[in-house]
Protein backbone atom coordinates (compact mmCIF):
# COMPACT_ATOMS: atom_id res chain seq x y z
CA MET A 1 -172.82 -43.49 84.06
CA ASN A 2 -174.79 -40.43 85.13
CA ARG A 3 -173.53 -39.39 88.53
CA ARG A 4 -173.07 -43.00 89.61
CA SER A 5 -169.67 -44.58 90.22
CA PHE A 6 -168.74 -48.26 90.23
CA VAL A 7 -165.82 -50.32 91.46
CA TYR A 8 -164.64 -53.19 89.27
CA THR A 9 -162.92 -56.13 90.91
CA ILE A 10 -161.53 -59.48 89.87
CA THR A 11 -160.56 -62.47 92.00
CA VAL A 12 -157.04 -63.85 91.74
CA GLY A 13 -156.67 -66.93 93.93
CA ALA A 14 -157.86 -65.89 97.36
CA ASN A 15 -157.31 -62.17 96.72
CA THR A 16 -159.61 -59.52 95.26
CA GLN A 17 -157.97 -56.94 92.99
CA ASN A 18 -159.43 -53.63 91.83
CA VAL A 19 -159.12 -52.99 88.10
CA CYS A 20 -160.22 -50.26 85.73
CA GLN A 21 -163.33 -50.54 83.61
CA LYS A 22 -161.31 -51.12 80.44
CA SER A 23 -159.43 -54.06 81.97
CA PHE A 24 -162.64 -55.51 83.39
CA CYS A 25 -164.27 -55.46 79.96
CA ALA A 26 -161.20 -56.95 78.31
CA LEU A 27 -160.99 -59.80 80.83
CA HIS A 28 -164.64 -60.71 80.28
CA ALA A 29 -164.51 -60.13 76.50
CA ILE A 30 -167.40 -57.68 76.51
CA LYS A 31 -167.87 -54.14 75.30
CA LYS A 32 -168.55 -51.12 77.49
CA SER A 33 -172.10 -50.80 76.13
CA ARG A 34 -172.89 -54.36 77.14
CA LEU A 35 -171.49 -53.76 80.61
CA GLU A 36 -173.62 -50.64 81.04
CA LYS A 37 -176.70 -52.50 79.87
CA LYS A 38 -176.20 -55.27 82.38
CA VAL A 39 -175.43 -52.91 85.27
CA LEU A 40 -178.44 -50.71 84.60
CA LYS A 41 -180.64 -53.78 84.63
CA THR A 42 -179.06 -54.65 88.03
CA GLU A 43 -178.45 -58.26 87.00
CA ASP A 44 -176.43 -60.29 89.48
CA ALA A 45 -174.26 -61.94 86.85
CA ILE A 46 -173.36 -61.26 83.27
CA GLN A 47 -174.53 -64.20 81.21
CA ASP A 48 -172.82 -64.63 77.87
CA SER A 49 -175.12 -66.25 75.32
CA ARG A 50 -172.80 -65.81 72.36
CA GLY A 51 -172.34 -68.96 70.33
CA LYS A 52 -175.13 -70.82 72.15
CA HIS A 53 -177.69 -70.72 69.38
CA ASP A 54 -178.53 -73.87 67.40
CA ASN A 55 -178.24 -72.54 63.85
CA HIS A 56 -174.47 -73.08 63.43
CA ALA A 57 -173.17 -74.20 60.05
CA ARG A 58 -172.36 -77.87 60.62
CA ILE A 59 -169.17 -79.39 59.18
CA ASP A 60 -169.51 -82.98 58.07
CA ASP A 61 -167.50 -85.31 60.32
CA ASN A 62 -166.56 -87.27 57.21
CA ILE A 63 -164.67 -84.23 55.87
CA ARG A 64 -162.84 -83.82 59.18
CA ASN A 65 -161.85 -87.49 59.16
CA ARG A 66 -160.65 -87.28 55.56
CA ILE A 67 -158.48 -84.29 56.46
CA ARG A 68 -157.01 -86.17 59.44
CA GLN A 69 -156.32 -89.18 57.24
CA HIS A 70 -154.64 -86.96 54.62
CA ILE A 71 -152.35 -85.29 57.18
CA SER A 72 -151.43 -88.71 58.55
CA GLN A 73 -150.25 -89.82 55.10
CA PHE A 74 -147.30 -87.45 55.16
CA PRO A 75 -144.17 -89.18 56.54
CA ALA A 76 -143.52 -87.28 59.78
CA ARG A 77 -140.14 -87.88 61.39
CA GLU A 78 -138.41 -87.29 64.67
CA SER A 79 -135.16 -85.46 65.23
CA HIS A 80 -132.40 -87.19 67.17
CA TYR A 81 -132.24 -84.09 69.41
CA SER A 82 -135.84 -84.53 70.51
CA ARG A 83 -135.49 -88.27 71.18
CA SER A 84 -133.43 -87.77 74.31
CA LYS A 85 -136.24 -85.66 75.76
CA GLN A 86 -138.99 -88.10 74.80
CA SER A 87 -140.65 -85.42 72.68
CA THR A 88 -143.79 -86.35 70.78
CA ARG A 89 -143.36 -83.63 68.15
CA LYS A 90 -142.79 -84.83 64.60
CA TYR A 91 -141.48 -82.95 61.57
CA LEU A 92 -142.52 -82.74 57.92
CA ASP A 93 -140.38 -81.80 54.95
CA SER A 94 -139.30 -78.15 55.07
CA SER A 95 -140.62 -77.55 51.54
CA LEU A 96 -144.17 -78.14 52.77
CA ASN A 97 -146.61 -75.77 54.49
CA VAL A 98 -150.29 -75.96 55.48
CA SER A 99 -151.47 -74.13 52.35
CA ALA A 100 -149.58 -76.54 50.10
CA MET A 101 -150.95 -79.51 52.02
CA HIS A 102 -154.49 -78.14 51.66
CA ARG A 103 -154.03 -77.77 47.90
CA LEU A 104 -152.81 -81.36 47.70
CA PHE A 105 -155.84 -82.45 49.75
CA LEU A 106 -158.26 -80.84 47.29
CA LYS A 107 -156.33 -82.34 44.37
CA ASP A 108 -156.56 -85.81 45.92
CA ASN A 109 -160.26 -85.34 46.75
CA PRO A 110 -161.89 -83.92 43.59
CA ASP A 111 -165.38 -84.35 45.07
CA LEU A 112 -164.55 -81.59 47.59
CA THR A 113 -164.19 -77.88 46.84
CA GLU A 114 -162.65 -74.85 48.49
CA GLU A 115 -166.10 -74.07 49.91
CA THR A 116 -166.80 -77.49 51.43
CA ALA A 117 -163.25 -77.99 52.79
CA LYS A 118 -161.86 -74.57 53.53
CA GLU A 119 -158.21 -73.97 54.33
CA TRP A 120 -159.05 -72.63 57.81
CA LEU A 121 -160.65 -76.00 58.66
CA TYR A 122 -157.58 -77.91 57.41
CA ARG A 123 -155.30 -75.58 59.37
CA ASP A 124 -157.42 -75.89 62.53
CA ILE A 125 -157.25 -79.70 62.45
CA PHE A 126 -153.50 -79.60 61.68
CA ASN A 127 -152.84 -77.31 64.66
CA HIS A 128 -155.11 -78.96 67.23
CA ASP A 129 -155.19 -82.67 66.32
CA PHE A 130 -151.50 -83.12 65.46
CA ASN A 131 -148.19 -82.23 67.09
CA ILE A 132 -146.36 -81.56 63.82
CA SER A 133 -144.01 -78.86 62.62
CA PHE A 134 -142.11 -78.20 59.40
CA GLY A 135 -138.40 -78.53 58.83
CA TYR A 136 -136.41 -80.09 61.67
CA PRO A 137 -134.92 -78.85 64.93
CA ARG A 138 -131.18 -78.45 64.79
CA SER A 139 -128.88 -77.50 67.62
CA ASP A 140 -129.78 -73.84 67.11
CA ILE A 141 -133.01 -74.29 69.11
CA CYS A 142 -132.37 -73.60 72.78
CA ASP A 143 -135.06 -74.55 75.28
CA LYS A 144 -133.76 -72.06 77.80
CA CYS A 145 -133.80 -69.19 75.29
CA GLU A 146 -137.37 -70.08 74.35
CA TRP A 147 -138.30 -70.10 78.05
CA TYR A 148 -136.77 -66.65 78.54
CA HIS A 149 -138.65 -65.30 75.50
CA ALA A 150 -141.98 -66.64 76.81
CA GLN A 151 -141.41 -65.34 80.36
CA LEU A 152 -140.32 -61.95 79.07
CA LYS A 153 -143.49 -61.59 76.99
CA ALA A 154 -145.59 -62.51 80.03
CA ALA A 155 -143.77 -59.95 82.22
CA GLU A 156 -144.20 -57.22 79.62
CA SER A 157 -147.87 -58.10 79.22
CA ASP A 158 -148.33 -57.78 83.00
CA GLU A 159 -146.37 -54.49 82.92
CA ASP A 160 -143.96 -55.97 85.45
CA ALA A 161 -140.89 -53.87 84.64
CA GLU A 162 -138.79 -55.29 87.46
CA ARG A 163 -139.41 -58.89 86.39
CA ALA A 164 -138.77 -58.03 82.73
CA ALA A 165 -135.44 -56.38 83.57
CA GLU A 166 -134.38 -59.40 85.64
CA LEU A 167 -135.24 -61.80 82.81
CA LYS A 168 -133.32 -59.72 80.26
CA THR A 169 -130.25 -59.77 82.50
CA GLN A 170 -130.47 -63.53 83.03
CA HIS A 171 -130.98 -64.17 79.31
CA GLU A 172 -128.01 -61.99 78.40
CA LEU A 173 -125.85 -63.92 80.88
CA HIS A 174 -127.05 -67.19 79.36
CA LYS A 175 -126.12 -66.02 75.85
CA ARG A 176 -122.70 -64.86 77.00
CA LYS A 177 -122.03 -68.29 78.46
CA ALA A 178 -123.12 -69.84 75.18
CA ASP A 179 -120.76 -67.55 73.23
CA VAL A 180 -117.83 -69.05 75.13
CA PHE A 181 -118.02 -72.12 72.85
CA ASN A 182 -117.53 -69.96 69.75
CA LYS A 183 -114.78 -67.89 71.35
CA GLN A 184 -112.95 -71.08 72.32
CA MET A 185 -113.05 -72.24 68.70
CA GLN A 186 -111.74 -68.91 67.43
CA GLU A 187 -108.98 -68.54 70.03
CA LEU A 188 -107.72 -72.11 69.70
CA SER A 189 -107.77 -71.90 65.90
CA LYS A 190 -105.71 -68.72 66.04
CA LEU A 191 -103.22 -70.27 68.48
CA ALA A 192 -102.84 -73.35 66.29
CA LYS A 193 -102.28 -71.28 63.16
CA ASN A 194 -99.53 -69.30 64.90
CA ASP A 195 -97.92 -72.33 66.53
CA PRO A 196 -94.49 -72.82 64.90
CA THR A 197 -94.39 -76.49 65.96
CA LYS A 198 -97.69 -77.22 64.13
CA SER A 199 -98.52 -79.67 66.91
CA ARG A 200 -102.21 -78.77 67.41
CA ALA A 201 -105.25 -79.74 65.39
CA VAL A 202 -108.57 -77.95 65.96
CA ILE A 203 -111.58 -79.61 64.38
CA CYS A 204 -115.36 -79.73 64.65
CA MET A 205 -117.68 -82.57 63.67
CA ASP A 206 -121.37 -82.83 62.77
CA TYR A 207 -123.89 -84.60 60.55
CA GLN A 208 -125.67 -82.78 57.73
CA LYS A 209 -129.39 -83.00 57.18
CA ASN A 210 -130.03 -86.23 55.25
CA LEU A 211 -130.01 -86.08 51.46
CA PRO A 212 -133.00 -87.86 49.84
CA LEU A 213 -132.98 -90.43 47.04
CA PRO A 214 -134.62 -90.37 44.61
CA LEU A 215 -135.59 -86.71 44.26
CA THR A 216 -138.25 -86.79 41.54
CA GLY A 217 -140.25 -83.57 41.85
CA VAL A 218 -143.60 -85.38 41.49
CA GLY A 219 -146.46 -84.46 43.80
CA GLN A 220 -146.70 -87.93 45.32
CA GLU A 221 -143.16 -87.53 46.66
CA TYR A 222 -144.56 -85.60 49.64
CA TYR A 223 -146.35 -88.76 50.79
CA LYS A 224 -143.44 -91.11 50.23
CA ARG A 225 -140.49 -92.12 52.37
CA GLN A 226 -137.16 -91.74 50.62
CA LEU A 227 -133.77 -93.36 50.99
CA TRP A 228 -131.32 -91.23 52.97
CA LEU A 229 -127.72 -90.41 52.19
CA HIS A 230 -125.78 -89.49 55.34
CA ASN A 231 -122.94 -86.96 55.37
CA LEU A 232 -120.62 -86.60 58.36
CA CYS A 233 -118.43 -83.49 58.16
CA ILE A 234 -115.11 -83.06 59.95
CA HIS A 235 -113.88 -79.49 59.50
CA ASP A 236 -110.27 -78.45 60.10
CA MET A 237 -110.46 -74.94 61.59
CA VAL A 238 -106.73 -74.35 61.14
CA LYS A 239 -106.51 -75.15 57.42
CA GLU A 240 -110.18 -74.29 56.78
CA GLU A 241 -110.68 -77.60 55.01
CA ALA A 242 -113.55 -80.09 55.33
CA THR A 243 -113.73 -83.84 54.86
CA MET A 244 -117.14 -85.34 54.08
CA TYR A 245 -117.85 -88.97 54.95
CA VAL A 246 -120.78 -89.99 52.74
CA TYR A 247 -122.84 -93.19 52.83
CA SER A 248 -126.33 -94.55 52.33
CA GLU A 249 -128.57 -95.50 55.21
CA HIS A 250 -128.49 -99.14 54.05
CA PHE A 251 -124.68 -99.10 54.23
CA ALA A 252 -124.40 -98.13 57.91
CA ALA A 253 -126.26 -96.39 60.75
CA LYS A 254 -125.64 -93.07 62.53
CA GLY A 255 -124.28 -94.17 65.87
CA PRO A 256 -121.00 -94.35 67.80
CA ASN A 257 -119.52 -97.02 65.53
CA GLU A 258 -119.84 -94.81 62.45
CA VAL A 259 -118.64 -91.66 64.22
CA ILE A 260 -115.60 -93.38 65.75
CA SER A 261 -114.71 -95.14 62.48
CA CYS A 262 -114.72 -91.88 60.54
CA LEU A 263 -112.91 -89.95 63.29
CA ASN A 264 -110.30 -92.71 63.56
CA ASP A 265 -109.67 -92.50 59.82
CA TYR A 266 -109.33 -88.72 60.05
CA ILE A 267 -106.90 -88.83 62.99
CA ASN A 268 -104.78 -91.51 61.33
CA HIS A 269 -104.30 -89.18 58.35
CA LEU A 270 -103.21 -86.17 60.42
CA PRO A 271 -99.59 -85.01 60.00
CA GLN A 272 -97.18 -86.74 62.36
CA THR A 273 -96.36 -83.36 63.94
CA ILE A 274 -99.86 -83.26 65.46
CA THR A 275 -99.80 -84.40 69.09
CA SER A 276 -102.76 -82.48 70.54
CA LEU A 277 -106.34 -82.53 69.25
CA HIS A 278 -109.13 -80.07 70.13
CA LEU A 279 -112.52 -81.49 69.12
CA PHE A 280 -115.74 -79.44 69.09
CA THR A 281 -119.05 -81.25 68.66
CA ASP A 282 -122.70 -81.06 69.65
CA ASN A 283 -124.62 -82.74 72.49
CA CYS A 284 -126.17 -85.61 70.51
CA PHE A 285 -125.92 -88.56 72.89
CA SER A 286 -126.38 -91.25 70.26
CA GLN A 287 -123.40 -89.99 68.28
CA ASN A 288 -120.99 -87.71 70.14
CA LYS A 289 -121.74 -87.65 73.86
CA ASN A 290 -121.41 -91.22 75.08
CA LYS A 291 -119.05 -93.64 76.76
CA TYR A 292 -117.90 -95.15 73.47
CA LEU A 293 -116.53 -91.94 71.97
CA CYS A 294 -114.97 -90.95 75.31
CA SER A 295 -113.31 -94.35 75.60
CA TYR A 296 -111.99 -94.11 72.04
CA LEU A 297 -110.53 -90.65 72.71
CA ASN A 298 -108.94 -91.99 75.88
CA TYR A 299 -107.42 -94.76 73.73
CA ILE A 300 -106.17 -92.44 70.98
CA CYS A 301 -104.35 -90.12 73.39
CA ASN A 302 -102.51 -93.18 74.74
CA THR A 303 -101.45 -94.29 71.26
CA ARG A 304 -101.37 -91.82 68.37
CA LEU A 305 -101.74 -88.52 70.28
CA MET A 306 -100.59 -87.09 73.59
CA SER A 307 -103.82 -85.24 74.52
CA VAL A 308 -107.38 -84.69 73.36
CA HIS A 309 -109.60 -81.80 74.48
CA LEU A 310 -113.31 -82.36 73.90
CA TYR A 311 -115.73 -79.40 73.92
CA TYR A 312 -119.53 -79.41 74.17
CA PRO A 313 -121.71 -76.27 73.82
CA ILE A 314 -124.68 -75.19 75.88
CA PRO A 315 -127.53 -77.13 74.22
CA GLY A 316 -129.01 -75.10 71.40
CA HIS A 317 -125.93 -72.98 70.70
CA SER A 318 -123.62 -75.16 68.61
CA ARG A 319 -122.82 -72.87 65.68
CA MET A 320 -119.83 -74.45 64.01
CA PRO A 321 -117.96 -74.14 60.69
CA CYS A 322 -119.59 -77.44 59.68
CA ASP A 323 -122.88 -75.54 59.48
CA ARG A 324 -121.37 -73.11 56.96
CA ASP A 325 -120.21 -76.07 54.86
CA PHE A 326 -123.69 -77.57 54.99
CA GLY A 327 -125.21 -74.20 54.11
CA ARG A 328 -123.17 -74.04 50.91
CA ILE A 329 -124.24 -77.57 50.00
CA GLU A 330 -127.88 -76.63 50.63
CA GLN A 331 -127.51 -73.61 48.32
CA LYS A 332 -126.11 -75.86 45.61
CA LYS A 333 -128.93 -78.32 46.29
CA LYS A 334 -131.55 -75.64 45.52
CA GLN A 335 -130.28 -75.47 41.95
CA ILE A 336 -131.20 -79.11 41.36
CA ASP A 337 -134.74 -80.30 40.60
CA ARG A 338 -134.15 -84.05 40.30
CA VAL A 339 -131.63 -86.52 41.67
CA SER A 340 -132.04 -90.20 40.86
CA ARG A 341 -128.52 -91.60 41.32
CA PRO A 342 -126.22 -91.48 44.38
CA SER A 343 -123.30 -90.25 42.27
CA GLU A 344 -125.25 -87.05 41.58
CA TRP A 345 -125.31 -86.16 45.30
CA VAL A 346 -121.61 -86.93 45.56
CA GLU A 347 -120.96 -84.59 42.65
CA VAL A 348 -123.00 -81.86 44.35
CA ILE A 349 -120.84 -82.15 47.46
CA LYS A 350 -117.60 -82.23 45.48
CA THR A 351 -118.44 -79.18 43.35
CA THR A 352 -120.00 -77.00 46.06
CA ASP A 353 -116.78 -75.06 46.65
CA ILE A 354 -114.67 -74.86 43.49
CA SER A 355 -111.87 -72.80 45.05
CA LYS A 356 -111.38 -75.23 47.97
CA PRO A 357 -113.30 -78.45 47.22
CA PHE A 358 -114.41 -80.70 50.05
CA THR A 359 -112.54 -83.97 50.45
CA VAL A 360 -115.04 -86.81 50.01
CA LYS A 361 -114.67 -90.28 51.47
CA TYR A 362 -117.13 -93.15 51.33
CA VAL A 363 -118.23 -95.21 54.33
CA GLN A 364 -118.59 -99.02 54.17
CA HIS A 365 -119.26 -99.16 50.39
CA PRO A 366 -118.56 -96.91 47.39
CA VAL A 367 -121.39 -94.40 46.91
CA THR A 368 -121.43 -95.02 43.18
CA ASP A 369 -124.20 -96.00 40.80
CA ASP A 370 -122.85 -99.53 40.38
CA LEU A 371 -121.19 -99.77 43.85
CA LYS A 372 -117.82 -100.23 42.15
CA SER A 373 -114.77 -98.26 43.21
CA ASP A 374 -114.15 -94.92 41.53
CA GLY A 375 -110.86 -94.35 43.36
CA THR A 376 -112.43 -92.62 46.38
CA PRO A 377 -111.22 -94.03 49.73
CA VAL A 378 -113.73 -96.23 51.59
CA VAL A 379 -113.81 -96.30 55.42
CA LYS A 380 -114.98 -99.59 56.90
CA VAL A 381 -117.18 -99.36 60.00
CA LYS A 382 -115.86 -101.30 62.98
CA ASP A 383 -118.00 -102.58 65.86
CA TYR A 384 -116.33 -100.51 68.57
CA LYS A 385 -119.38 -100.74 70.81
CA ALA A 386 -119.17 -104.50 71.17
CA ALA A 387 -115.38 -104.42 71.48
CA LEU A 388 -115.31 -101.74 74.19
CA GLU A 389 -118.42 -102.70 76.18
CA PRO A 390 -116.73 -105.20 78.58
CA HIS A 391 -114.11 -102.66 79.65
CA ILE A 392 -115.83 -99.26 79.92
CA GLN A 393 -118.44 -97.36 81.90
CA PRO A 394 -120.32 -94.07 81.32
CA PRO A 395 -118.37 -91.01 82.53
CA ARG A 396 -119.92 -89.30 85.54
CA ARG A 397 -122.45 -86.52 84.87
CA ILE A 398 -121.75 -86.63 81.15
CA ALA A 399 -125.17 -85.13 80.33
CA SER A 400 -124.20 -81.76 81.87
CA THR A 401 -120.51 -81.95 80.95
CA ARG A 402 -119.13 -79.07 78.86
CA GLY A 403 -115.56 -80.24 78.44
CA ILE A 404 -113.32 -83.29 78.93
CA VAL A 405 -109.53 -83.57 78.78
CA PHE A 406 -107.84 -86.85 77.90
CA GLU A 407 -104.08 -87.08 78.47
CA ARG A 408 -101.59 -89.89 78.07
CA SER A 409 -101.19 -92.03 81.20
CA LYS A 410 -103.78 -89.95 83.06
CA ALA A 411 -107.44 -90.44 83.93
CA PRO A 412 -109.89 -88.18 82.04
CA VAL A 413 -111.11 -85.03 83.82
CA GLY A 414 -114.04 -82.78 82.94
CA ARG A 415 -115.93 -79.63 83.82
CA GLN A 416 -119.62 -78.78 84.12
CA SER A 417 -119.21 -75.07 83.32
CA MET A 418 -118.35 -73.43 80.00
CA THR A 419 -115.22 -71.84 81.49
CA GLY A 420 -112.57 -72.96 83.91
CA ILE A 421 -110.20 -75.89 84.15
CA CYS A 422 -111.22 -79.53 83.84
CA THR A 423 -110.77 -81.03 87.32
CA ASP A 424 -113.76 -83.36 87.86
CA PRO A 425 -112.71 -87.05 87.65
CA MET A 426 -114.50 -88.77 84.76
CA PRO A 427 -113.24 -92.37 84.69
CA VAL A 428 -114.25 -94.34 81.62
CA LEU A 429 -112.68 -97.69 82.56
CA LYS A 430 -114.55 -100.26 84.63
CA LYS A 431 -113.03 -101.34 87.90
CA GLY A 432 -110.29 -103.84 87.13
CA SER A 433 -109.94 -102.81 83.48
CA LYS A 434 -106.78 -101.18 82.17
CA ILE A 435 -105.95 -99.05 79.16
CA ALA A 436 -104.14 -102.08 77.72
CA ASN A 437 -107.51 -103.89 77.57
CA VAL A 438 -108.99 -100.98 75.61
CA LYS A 439 -106.02 -100.86 73.22
CA SER A 440 -106.41 -104.55 72.46
CA ALA A 441 -110.22 -104.22 72.08
CA VAL A 442 -109.99 -101.32 69.63
CA ARG A 443 -107.34 -103.00 67.49
CA ARG A 444 -109.31 -106.24 67.36
CA ALA A 445 -112.70 -104.66 66.71
CA ALA A 446 -114.60 -106.70 64.11
CA ASP A 447 -116.43 -105.30 61.11
CA ALA A 448 -119.80 -103.87 62.19
CA PHE A 449 -121.74 -105.09 59.15
CA ALA A 450 -121.39 -108.24 57.08
CA ASP A 451 -123.99 -107.16 54.50
CA PHE A 452 -126.20 -104.27 53.48
CA LEU A 453 -128.65 -103.14 56.16
CA PRO A 454 -132.37 -103.72 55.61
CA ILE A 455 -134.76 -100.80 55.45
CA LYS A 456 -138.39 -100.83 56.50
CA ASP A 457 -140.81 -102.50 54.11
CA ALA A 458 -142.97 -99.38 53.90
CA LYS A 459 -139.96 -97.27 52.90
CA LEU A 460 -138.84 -99.85 50.32
CA ARG A 461 -142.30 -99.77 48.71
CA ASP A 462 -142.22 -95.97 48.62
CA VAL A 463 -138.72 -95.84 47.10
CA ASN A 464 -139.67 -98.34 44.41
CA SER A 465 -142.82 -96.33 43.71
CA LEU A 466 -140.79 -93.15 43.22
CA LEU A 467 -138.28 -94.95 40.99
CA GLU A 468 -141.12 -95.53 38.51
CA HIS A 469 -140.91 -91.80 37.73
CA VAL A 470 -137.23 -91.81 36.76
CA HIS A 471 -135.20 -93.52 34.05
CA LEU A 472 -132.24 -95.55 35.26
CA PRO A 473 -129.88 -97.31 32.86
CA PRO A 474 -129.09 -100.98 33.54
CA SER A 475 -125.65 -99.98 34.83
CA VAL A 476 -127.26 -98.39 37.94
CA THR A 477 -127.36 -101.34 40.34
CA PHE A 478 -127.33 -99.25 43.54
CA TYR A 479 -131.06 -99.72 44.28
CA GLY A 480 -130.80 -103.46 43.69
CA THR A 481 -129.08 -103.86 47.05
CA LEU A 482 -132.14 -102.62 48.97
CA ARG A 483 -134.10 -105.16 50.99
CA GLY A 484 -137.00 -104.68 53.37
CA ILE A 485 -137.84 -105.67 56.90
CA GLU A 486 -141.16 -105.50 58.71
CA ALA A 487 -141.49 -102.75 61.34
CA ASP A 488 -144.43 -101.50 63.39
CA ASP A 489 -143.14 -97.91 63.61
CA SER A 490 -142.65 -97.32 59.88
CA ASP A 491 -143.34 -93.59 60.27
CA ASP A 492 -140.88 -93.15 63.09
CA GLU A 493 -137.79 -92.13 61.14
CA GLU A 494 -134.92 -89.98 62.25
CA LEU A 495 -134.40 -86.75 60.39
CA GLU A 496 -130.83 -86.12 61.38
C-alpha cells in the first residue's frame, strides 16, 4: 500500500500470532479492498454491517411450523447400536431423502408453491431443527475411525504435518487391530475345513435389517409405521451355508431369549462329531453381549460341547459372511414393488440363492398367511432370562471384552485385546451357584410367550391403514392376530 508496510496479528488465547494479509482477510471474511479502505481511513476497528439492514425477505413463521410438523410425521427410529450410547439421533427410511420429502410436503400442502416454500428452507429446518439421518447405522460405523478422520482433516487444514503423520499411523494401527477379527474367521474356517476329525464348527450370527409388512408402494407409506419381520442369520463358515430364523415382531422380541433359543436349536442340530464351537458376533448388548448368552454358552460346553470360543470385533468393524447373505436378500428385495403377505418375504429369502438356498426356520409361530404349518420347523422361544437370573452375574469388563473361552469343568476366561490368549477370569455364576443349577434352569425354562405380543396402537392404526391399499383373500388371517397397546413413545422404534 504505497511504501507503507503493515503487520497483521491475531489473538489465540493469551498469545498474539503474526499472520499474512491473506490469512487475516480470510479469518475476518473480508476482501483485500475492504481491508485497505478501512486502514486508509485509520479506523480503530473493522465494523461489519453486512446483513444488518431491515429489508430482508421475511419467511412466514407459519410455513416454518408446517415444515417442522411435516418432518415430524415421518416415523423416525433408533438403532439398537445407538441405544447403548444414549444417542438422540433418529433414522428415516433409506429410500427417502430431503428432496423427496420436500416434494411430498408440496404435494400435501397444495396452497404452497416452490417459491413460497423453497427446498433450501426445508433442508435448513431439517438440518438445524432435527437430529435425523437416513438409513440406519450398522456395525460398519466406527466412532474411532470417524474421530481419526475429523482430526486428520483439522491437522491438514492447520498444515500440521507432524500431527497428520501421527494420526495416520495411529489410524492404520487401529484398522490393523480391527482386521484381526476377519483374519481369525478366515484362519479358523480354513483349519476346520482341513480338520480330518470334523470336530470344529465356525459360525457367525447377526440380525438382518427388518423387513416391512405390508409394502404397498403408495406415497402415504412414508408416514406410516409398518409391521416388522425379523430375520436372524446363523452362517456356517465351514460349509458356507446359512440358516435364517424368521418371525414377526408380534411373535417374539429381539433379545437374549430369542437369540439363545435359535442358537440352541442350531447347536442341537450340529453333527455329533462337533465338540468345539467358534462363534463370531457383534457387540450388541441387548442380543449378543450379555450375561444370559455367556451363561448359556457356559452351560452348552458342559453338556453338548466340550468348548466354545466367543469372538467380538472392535466396535464398528464387524464384517461377517452374514452381511453377504443379507446383501443378496436386499438385491432380491429391490426387484419387488409390493409385498402384502408374510409368505412372500419367506419366498424371497428361500429363493435368493438358487444354487445353495438358505435354510429357513420359523420362530414361535409359522410365518404363513394363515399361521398354519407348511412343514417348516418352528423354534419355540424359551424364557432363559427368568430361568437363569437367580444363578448368574454379569462377566467382568464385558463391555471391552474381545474374546471369551468356555471349557467343560472350567471357569470362563476372556481377553480385552484382539490378540493373545484368554486369561482374565470372567465368572458368570453367582457366589454359591453351581453349573448344576444352570443345567436344571435351562432344561426347565418355561415358554417365553403364551400369546401373540401386542404392538403399539399407533402402529396398528398405520398397518390397518396401509392394508386398505392391498387385496387380501379371506384365507390370509395373519393380520387378524394383531392387537394394540397404548404407548407414549410410539415413534421410538428400533430399526435393527
